[in-house]
Amino acid sequence: MATVADVRRIALGLPGAAEKPSHDGLAWQVGKKSFAWERPLRKSDLASLGDEAPEGPNLGVYVSDEGEKQALLDEGMPLFFATPHLDGWPIVLVRLDAIGEDRLREVIVESWLARAPKKLVEEFLANGL
């Protein structure tokens, strides 16, 4: 089970990352692009998910493309899900109360890689993950 404190530690350990308040809690950015953020479910999310709606804290993260999004969604609950609001966006929601720290680190790093400036990504990859 991961926590927002785990997200903070992992996200802020990435080059150029900063923490910013958002309308739903905290967000982590590289440059001016968010790569992870607290994402509580909204009324419309709860209505669309019905009984499948998770009750714990969720994290929004970018993925590289729609193919990656679908691959994660195919893993299904309890780790990853999406709402109709995210249709057409390369974003998934992560259940923090269901994901382990190692998998969370993978997801956050991948999100950072999808959003960071190209030069920063190249430097990061050259130094090894």
N, C-alpha and C. Protein backbone atom coordinates (compact mmCIF):
# COMPACT_ATOMS: atom_id res chain seq x y z
N MET A 1 0.83 -1.18 0.00
CA MET A 1 0.00 0.00 0.00
C MET A 1 0.87 1.24 0.00
N ALA A 2 0.66 2.10 -0.97
CA ALA A 2 1.44 3.33 -1.08
C ALA A 2 0.66 4.51 -0.51
N THR A 3 1.38 5.56 -0.22
CA THR A 3 0.77 6.77 0.34
C THR A 3 1.20 7.99 -0.48
N VAL A 4 0.57 9.10 -0.21
CA VAL A 4 0.97 10.36 -0.86
C VAL A 4 2.41 10.71 -0.47
N ALA A 5 2.82 10.35 0.73
CA ALA A 5 4.22 10.59 1.13
C ALA A 5 5.17 9.80 0.24
N ASP A 6 4.80 8.58 -0.15
CA ASP A 6 5.61 7.80 -1.07
C ASP A 6 5.67 8.48 -2.44
N VAL A 7 4.51 8.94 -2.90
CA VAL A 7 4.47 9.65 -4.18
C VAL A 7 5.39 10.86 -4.14
N ARG A 8 5.29 11.64 -3.09
CA ARG A 8 6.12 12.85 -2.93
C ARG A 8 7.60 12.50 -3.01
N ARG A 9 8.02 11.50 -2.24
CA ARG A 9 9.43 11.11 -2.19
C ARG A 9 9.92 10.66 -3.57
N ILE A 10 9.14 9.82 -4.24
CA ILE A 10 9.53 9.32 -5.56
C ILE A 10 9.56 10.45 -6.57
N ALA A 11 8.49 11.23 -6.62
CA ALA A 11 8.38 12.30 -7.62
C ALA A 11 9.47 13.35 -7.44
N LEU A 12 9.69 13.77 -6.21
CA LEU A 12 10.69 14.83 -5.98
C LEU A 12 12.12 14.33 -6.12
N GLY A 13 12.30 13.02 -6.21
CA GLY A 13 13.61 12.45 -6.47
C GLY A 13 13.99 12.47 -7.94
N LEU A 14 13.06 12.88 -8.79
CA LEU A 14 13.33 12.93 -10.23
C LEU A 14 13.86 14.31 -10.62
N PRO A 15 14.75 14.38 -11.59
CA PRO A 15 15.35 15.66 -11.98
C PRO A 15 14.30 16.69 -12.41
N GLY A 16 14.45 17.89 -11.90
CA GLY A 16 13.59 19.00 -12.30
C GLY A 16 12.18 18.96 -11.74
N ALA A 17 11.88 17.99 -10.89
CA ALA A 17 10.53 17.86 -10.36
C ALA A 17 10.27 18.88 -9.25
N ALA A 18 9.03 19.34 -9.21
CA ALA A 18 8.59 20.28 -8.18
C ALA A 18 7.18 19.90 -7.75
N GLU A 19 6.86 20.25 -6.53
CA GLU A 19 5.52 20.00 -6.00
C GLU A 19 4.74 21.30 -6.00
N LYS A 20 3.51 21.23 -6.45
CA LYS A 20 2.65 22.41 -6.52
C LYS A 20 1.27 22.04 -5.97
N PRO A 21 0.61 22.99 -5.31
CA PRO A 21 -0.78 22.72 -4.93
C PRO A 21 -1.66 22.72 -6.18
N SER A 22 -2.68 21.87 -6.18
CA SER A 22 -3.65 21.88 -7.27
C SER A 22 -5.04 21.98 -6.65
N HIS A 23 -6.04 22.08 -7.49
CA HIS A 23 -7.38 22.23 -6.95
C HIS A 23 -7.87 20.99 -6.22
N ASP A 24 -7.27 19.83 -6.46
CA ASP A 24 -7.68 18.60 -5.80
C ASP A 24 -6.68 18.11 -4.76
N GLY A 25 -5.61 18.83 -4.52
CA GLY A 25 -4.59 18.39 -3.58
C GLY A 25 -3.22 18.84 -4.04
N LEU A 26 -2.33 17.88 -4.23
CA LEU A 26 -0.97 18.18 -4.66
C LEU A 26 -0.73 17.65 -6.06
N ALA A 27 0.17 18.32 -6.77
CA ALA A 27 0.58 17.88 -8.10
C ALA A 27 2.09 17.96 -8.16
N TRP A 28 2.68 17.09 -8.98
CA TRP A 28 4.12 17.09 -9.19
C TRP A 28 4.37 17.39 -10.65
N GLN A 29 5.25 18.35 -10.90
CA GLN A 29 5.50 18.84 -12.25
C GLN A 29 6.97 18.75 -12.60
N VAL A 30 7.20 18.70 -13.90
CA VAL A 30 8.54 18.86 -14.44
C VAL A 30 8.39 19.95 -15.49
N GLY A 31 9.18 21.01 -15.37
CA GLY A 31 8.90 22.19 -16.18
C GLY A 31 7.56 22.72 -15.72
N LYS A 32 6.69 22.98 -16.63
CA LYS A 32 5.35 23.44 -16.25
C LYS A 32 4.30 22.37 -16.53
N LYS A 33 4.75 21.12 -16.69
CA LYS A 33 3.84 20.03 -17.02
C LYS A 33 3.67 19.08 -15.83
N SER A 34 2.45 18.86 -15.43
CA SER A 34 2.18 17.89 -14.37
C SER A 34 2.45 16.48 -14.90
N PHE A 35 3.01 15.65 -14.04
CA PHE A 35 3.20 14.25 -14.40
C PHE A 35 2.53 13.33 -13.39
N ALA A 36 2.14 13.84 -12.24
CA ALA A 36 1.40 13.07 -11.24
C ALA A 36 0.62 14.05 -10.37
N TRP A 37 -0.56 13.64 -9.94
CA TRP A 37 -1.37 14.52 -9.11
C TRP A 37 -2.39 13.70 -8.33
N GLU A 38 -2.72 14.21 -7.14
CA GLU A 38 -3.79 13.59 -6.38
C GLU A 38 -5.08 13.76 -7.17
N ARG A 39 -5.89 12.71 -7.23
CA ARG A 39 -7.10 12.78 -8.06
C ARG A 39 -8.27 12.10 -7.36
N PRO A 40 -8.91 12.83 -6.44
CA PRO A 40 -10.12 12.26 -5.84
C PRO A 40 -11.21 12.10 -6.89
N LEU A 41 -12.08 11.13 -6.69
CA LEU A 41 -13.17 10.91 -7.64
C LEU A 41 -14.25 11.97 -7.46
N ARG A 42 -14.76 12.43 -8.58
CA ARG A 42 -15.82 13.43 -8.60
C ARG A 42 -17.17 12.72 -8.66
N LYS A 43 -18.23 13.48 -8.48
CA LYS A 43 -19.57 12.88 -8.54
C LYS A 43 -19.80 12.16 -9.86
N SER A 44 -19.38 12.77 -10.97
CA SER A 44 -19.57 12.13 -12.28
C SER A 44 -18.75 10.84 -12.39
N ASP A 45 -17.56 10.83 -11.78
CA ASP A 45 -16.74 9.61 -11.77
C ASP A 45 -17.45 8.50 -11.00
N LEU A 46 -17.96 8.86 -9.83
CA LEU A 46 -18.65 7.88 -9.00
C LEU A 46 -19.88 7.32 -9.72
N ALA A 47 -20.59 8.19 -10.42
CA ALA A 47 -21.77 7.74 -11.15
C ALA A 47 -21.39 6.78 -12.28
N SER A 48 -20.31 7.10 -13.01
CA SER A 48 -19.91 6.25 -14.13
C SER A 48 -19.30 4.93 -13.67
N LEU A 49 -18.60 4.92 -12.55
CA LEU A 49 -17.96 3.71 -12.05
C LEU A 49 -18.91 2.83 -11.25
N GLY A 50 -19.93 3.43 -10.68
CA GLY A 50 -20.89 2.68 -9.89
C GLY A 50 -20.24 1.91 -8.75
N ASP A 51 -20.60 0.65 -8.61
CA ASP A 51 -20.07 -0.17 -7.53
C ASP A 51 -18.58 -0.46 -7.67
N GLU A 52 -18.01 -0.21 -8.85
CA GLU A 52 -16.59 -0.44 -9.10
C GLU A 52 -15.71 0.70 -8.57
N ALA A 53 -16.34 1.80 -8.14
CA ALA A 53 -15.58 2.97 -7.69
C ALA A 53 -14.75 2.65 -6.45
N PRO A 54 -13.44 2.86 -6.53
CA PRO A 54 -12.60 2.62 -5.36
C PRO A 54 -12.82 3.71 -4.31
N GLU A 55 -12.60 3.35 -3.07
CA GLU A 55 -12.84 4.30 -1.98
C GLU A 55 -11.58 5.01 -1.51
N GLY A 56 -10.42 4.48 -1.79
CA GLY A 56 -9.18 5.05 -1.27
C GLY A 56 -8.65 6.18 -2.12
N PRO A 57 -7.47 6.69 -1.78
CA PRO A 57 -6.86 7.79 -2.53
C PRO A 57 -6.36 7.32 -3.90
N ASN A 58 -6.45 8.22 -4.87
CA ASN A 58 -6.04 7.92 -6.24
C ASN A 58 -5.02 8.94 -6.72
N LEU A 59 -4.21 8.49 -7.65
CA LEU A 59 -3.20 9.34 -8.27
C LEU A 59 -3.44 9.35 -9.77
N GLY A 60 -3.43 10.51 -10.39
CA GLY A 60 -3.48 10.61 -11.84
C GLY A 60 -2.06 10.65 -12.37
N VAL A 61 -1.81 9.92 -13.46
CA VAL A 61 -0.49 9.93 -14.09
C VAL A 61 -0.65 9.88 -15.61
N TYR A 62 0.28 10.52 -16.28
CA TYR A 62 0.35 10.41 -17.74
C TYR A 62 1.05 9.11 -18.12
N VAL A 63 0.69 8.60 -19.28
CA VAL A 63 1.38 7.46 -19.87
C VAL A 63 1.87 7.91 -21.24
N SER A 64 2.69 7.08 -21.87
CA SER A 64 3.31 7.51 -23.12
C SER A 64 2.32 7.67 -24.26
N ASP A 65 1.28 6.83 -24.31
CA ASP A 65 0.31 6.92 -25.41
C ASP A 65 -0.92 6.09 -25.06
N GLU A 66 -1.88 6.06 -25.97
CA GLU A 66 -3.12 5.32 -25.74
C GLU A 66 -2.88 3.81 -25.63
N GLY A 67 -1.87 3.30 -26.34
CA GLY A 67 -1.54 1.87 -26.26
C GLY A 67 -1.08 1.49 -24.86
N GLU A 68 -0.24 2.32 -24.28
CA GLU A 68 0.23 2.08 -22.91
C GLU A 68 -0.94 2.21 -21.93
N LYS A 69 -1.78 3.19 -22.16
CA LYS A 69 -2.96 3.36 -21.31
C LYS A 69 -3.80 2.08 -21.33
N GLN A 70 -4.06 1.57 -22.52
CA GLN A 70 -4.89 0.38 -22.64
C GLN A 70 -4.23 -0.82 -21.98
N ALA A 71 -2.91 -0.94 -22.11
CA ALA A 71 -2.20 -2.06 -21.49
C ALA A 71 -2.35 -2.01 -19.97
N LEU A 72 -2.25 -0.83 -19.39
CA LEU A 72 -2.43 -0.71 -17.94
C LEU A 72 -3.87 -0.99 -17.55
N LEU A 73 -4.81 -0.46 -18.32
CA LEU A 73 -6.22 -0.70 -18.01
C LEU A 73 -6.58 -2.17 -18.14
N ASP A 74 -5.90 -2.87 -19.06
CA ASP A 74 -6.15 -4.30 -19.22
C ASP A 74 -5.71 -5.09 -17.97
N GLU A 75 -4.76 -4.51 -17.22
CA GLU A 75 -4.39 -5.15 -15.95
C GLU A 75 -5.57 -5.08 -15.00
N GLY A 76 -6.40 -4.06 -15.18
CA GLY A 76 -7.64 -3.93 -14.43
C GLY A 76 -7.45 -3.54 -12.97
N MET A 77 -8.58 -3.49 -12.32
CA MET A 77 -8.57 -3.22 -10.90
C MET A 77 -7.81 -4.36 -10.24
N PRO A 78 -7.11 -4.19 -9.18
CA PRO A 78 -7.26 -3.06 -8.30
C PRO A 78 -6.30 -1.91 -8.56
N LEU A 79 -5.32 -2.05 -9.45
CA LEU A 79 -4.30 -1.01 -9.59
C LEU A 79 -4.70 0.19 -10.44
N PHE A 80 -5.16 -0.06 -11.65
CA PHE A 80 -5.37 1.02 -12.63
C PHE A 80 -6.82 1.07 -13.10
N PHE A 81 -7.28 2.29 -13.34
CA PHE A 81 -8.61 2.46 -13.90
C PHE A 81 -8.67 3.84 -14.55
N ALA A 82 -9.77 4.08 -15.23
CA ALA A 82 -10.00 5.39 -15.85
C ALA A 82 -11.48 5.69 -15.76
N THR A 83 -11.81 6.92 -16.02
CA THR A 83 -13.20 7.35 -16.04
C THR A 83 -13.50 7.93 -17.42
N PRO A 84 -14.75 8.06 -17.79
CA PRO A 84 -15.07 8.66 -19.09
C PRO A 84 -14.46 10.05 -19.28
N HIS A 85 -14.27 10.77 -18.19
CA HIS A 85 -13.67 12.11 -18.26
C HIS A 85 -12.26 12.05 -18.87
N LEU A 86 -11.60 10.92 -18.76
CA LEU A 86 -10.23 10.77 -19.26
C LEU A 86 -10.15 10.19 -20.67
N ASP A 87 -11.30 9.89 -21.26
CA ASP A 87 -11.31 9.36 -22.63
C ASP A 87 -10.57 10.30 -23.57
N GLY A 88 -9.68 9.73 -24.37
CA GLY A 88 -8.92 10.54 -25.33
C GLY A 88 -7.65 11.15 -24.76
N TRP A 89 -7.42 10.97 -23.48
CA TRP A 89 -6.20 11.49 -22.84
C TRP A 89 -5.31 10.31 -22.43
N PRO A 90 -4.00 10.43 -22.59
CA PRO A 90 -3.10 9.35 -22.15
C PRO A 90 -2.85 9.43 -20.64
N ILE A 91 -3.92 9.21 -19.89
CA ILE A 91 -3.90 9.33 -18.43
C ILE A 91 -4.61 8.12 -17.83
N VAL A 92 -4.04 7.59 -16.77
CA VAL A 92 -4.72 6.57 -15.98
C VAL A 92 -4.76 7.02 -14.53
N LEU A 93 -5.66 6.42 -13.79
CA LEU A 93 -5.74 6.64 -12.35
C LEU A 93 -5.17 5.42 -11.65
N VAL A 94 -4.44 5.66 -10.59
CA VAL A 94 -3.77 4.62 -9.83
C VAL A 94 -4.34 4.60 -8.42
N ARG A 95 -4.73 3.43 -7.97
CA ARG A 95 -5.21 3.28 -6.59
C ARG A 95 -4.01 3.17 -5.67
N LEU A 96 -3.78 4.19 -4.86
CA LEU A 96 -2.63 4.17 -3.97
C LEU A 96 -2.74 3.08 -2.91
N ASP A 97 -3.95 2.75 -2.49
CA ASP A 97 -4.10 1.75 -1.44
C ASP A 97 -3.95 0.32 -1.96
N ALA A 98 -3.72 0.17 -3.28
CA ALA A 98 -3.59 -1.16 -3.87
C ALA A 98 -2.23 -1.41 -4.52
N ILE A 99 -1.45 -0.37 -4.70
CA ILE A 99 -0.19 -0.51 -5.43
C ILE A 99 0.99 -0.55 -4.46
N GLY A 100 1.97 -1.37 -4.81
CA GLY A 100 3.19 -1.44 -4.02
C GLY A 100 4.17 -0.33 -4.42
N GLU A 101 5.14 -0.10 -3.58
CA GLU A 101 6.07 1.00 -3.81
C GLU A 101 6.90 0.81 -5.08
N ASP A 102 7.36 -0.40 -5.38
CA ASP A 102 8.17 -0.61 -6.58
C ASP A 102 7.37 -0.32 -7.85
N ARG A 103 6.14 -0.81 -7.90
CA ARG A 103 5.29 -0.57 -9.07
C ARG A 103 4.93 0.90 -9.16
N LEU A 104 4.69 1.54 -8.03
CA LEU A 104 4.40 2.98 -8.01
C LEU A 104 5.57 3.76 -8.59
N ARG A 105 6.77 3.39 -8.19
CA ARG A 105 7.97 4.06 -8.72
C ARG A 105 8.03 3.92 -10.24
N GLU A 106 7.77 2.73 -10.76
CA GLU A 106 7.76 2.53 -12.22
C GLU A 106 6.76 3.46 -12.90
N VAL A 107 5.57 3.52 -12.36
CA VAL A 107 4.50 4.33 -12.95
C VAL A 107 4.85 5.81 -12.92
N ILE A 108 5.38 6.28 -11.81
CA ILE A 108 5.73 7.70 -11.69
C ILE A 108 6.89 8.05 -12.61
N VAL A 109 7.91 7.20 -12.67
CA VAL A 109 9.04 7.46 -13.57
C VAL A 109 8.57 7.48 -15.02
N GLU A 110 7.73 6.52 -15.41
CA GLU A 110 7.21 6.51 -16.78
C GLU A 110 6.42 7.77 -17.09
N SER A 111 5.65 8.23 -16.13
CA SER A 111 4.89 9.47 -16.33
C SER A 111 5.83 10.66 -16.48
N TRP A 112 6.85 10.71 -15.64
CA TRP A 112 7.84 11.78 -15.73
C TRP A 112 8.51 11.75 -17.11
N LEU A 113 8.88 10.55 -17.58
CA LEU A 113 9.52 10.42 -18.89
C LEU A 113 8.62 10.92 -20.02
N ALA A 114 7.31 10.71 -19.86
CA ALA A 114 6.35 11.15 -20.89
C ALA A 114 6.17 12.66 -20.91
N ARG A 115 6.53 13.34 -19.83
CA ARG A 115 6.24 14.78 -19.72
C ARG A 115 7.47 15.68 -19.64
N ALA A 116 8.61 15.12 -19.29
CA ALA A 116 9.82 15.93 -19.10
C ALA A 116 10.37 16.42 -20.44
N PRO A 117 11.09 17.54 -20.41
CA PRO A 117 11.75 18.02 -21.63
C PRO A 117 12.72 16.96 -22.16
N LYS A 118 12.83 16.90 -23.47
CA LYS A 118 13.63 15.88 -24.14
C LYS A 118 15.07 15.82 -23.62
N LYS A 119 15.69 16.97 -23.45
CA LYS A 119 17.08 17.01 -22.99
C LYS A 119 17.22 16.41 -21.59
N LEU A 120 16.28 16.72 -20.72
CA LEU A 120 16.30 16.19 -19.36
C LEU A 120 16.11 14.67 -19.37
N VAL A 121 15.22 14.19 -20.23
CA VAL A 121 14.99 12.75 -20.37
C VAL A 121 16.27 12.07 -20.86
N GLU A 122 16.91 12.64 -21.88
CA GLU A 122 18.14 12.05 -22.42
C GLU A 122 19.22 11.97 -21.35
N GLU A 123 19.38 13.02 -20.54
CA GLU A 123 20.38 13.03 -19.47
C GLU A 123 20.04 11.97 -18.42
N PHE A 124 18.77 11.88 -18.08
CA PHE A 124 18.31 10.92 -17.08
C PHE A 124 18.59 9.49 -17.56
N LEU A 125 18.22 9.20 -18.79
CA LEU A 125 18.42 7.87 -19.34
C LEU A 125 19.89 7.52 -19.51
N ALA A 126 20.71 8.51 -19.85
CA ALA A 126 22.14 8.29 -20.01
C ALA A 126 22.80 7.91 -18.69
N ASN A 127 22.24 8.41 -17.60
CA ASN A 127 22.77 8.12 -16.27
C ASN A 127 22.17 6.85 -15.67
N GLY A 128 21.26 6.22 -16.40
CA GLY A 128 20.63 4.98 -15.93
C GLY A 128 19.47 5.25 -15.01
N LEU A 129 18.47 4.39 -15.11
CA LEU A 129 17.31 4.51 -14.22
C LEU A 129 17.72 4.03 -12.87
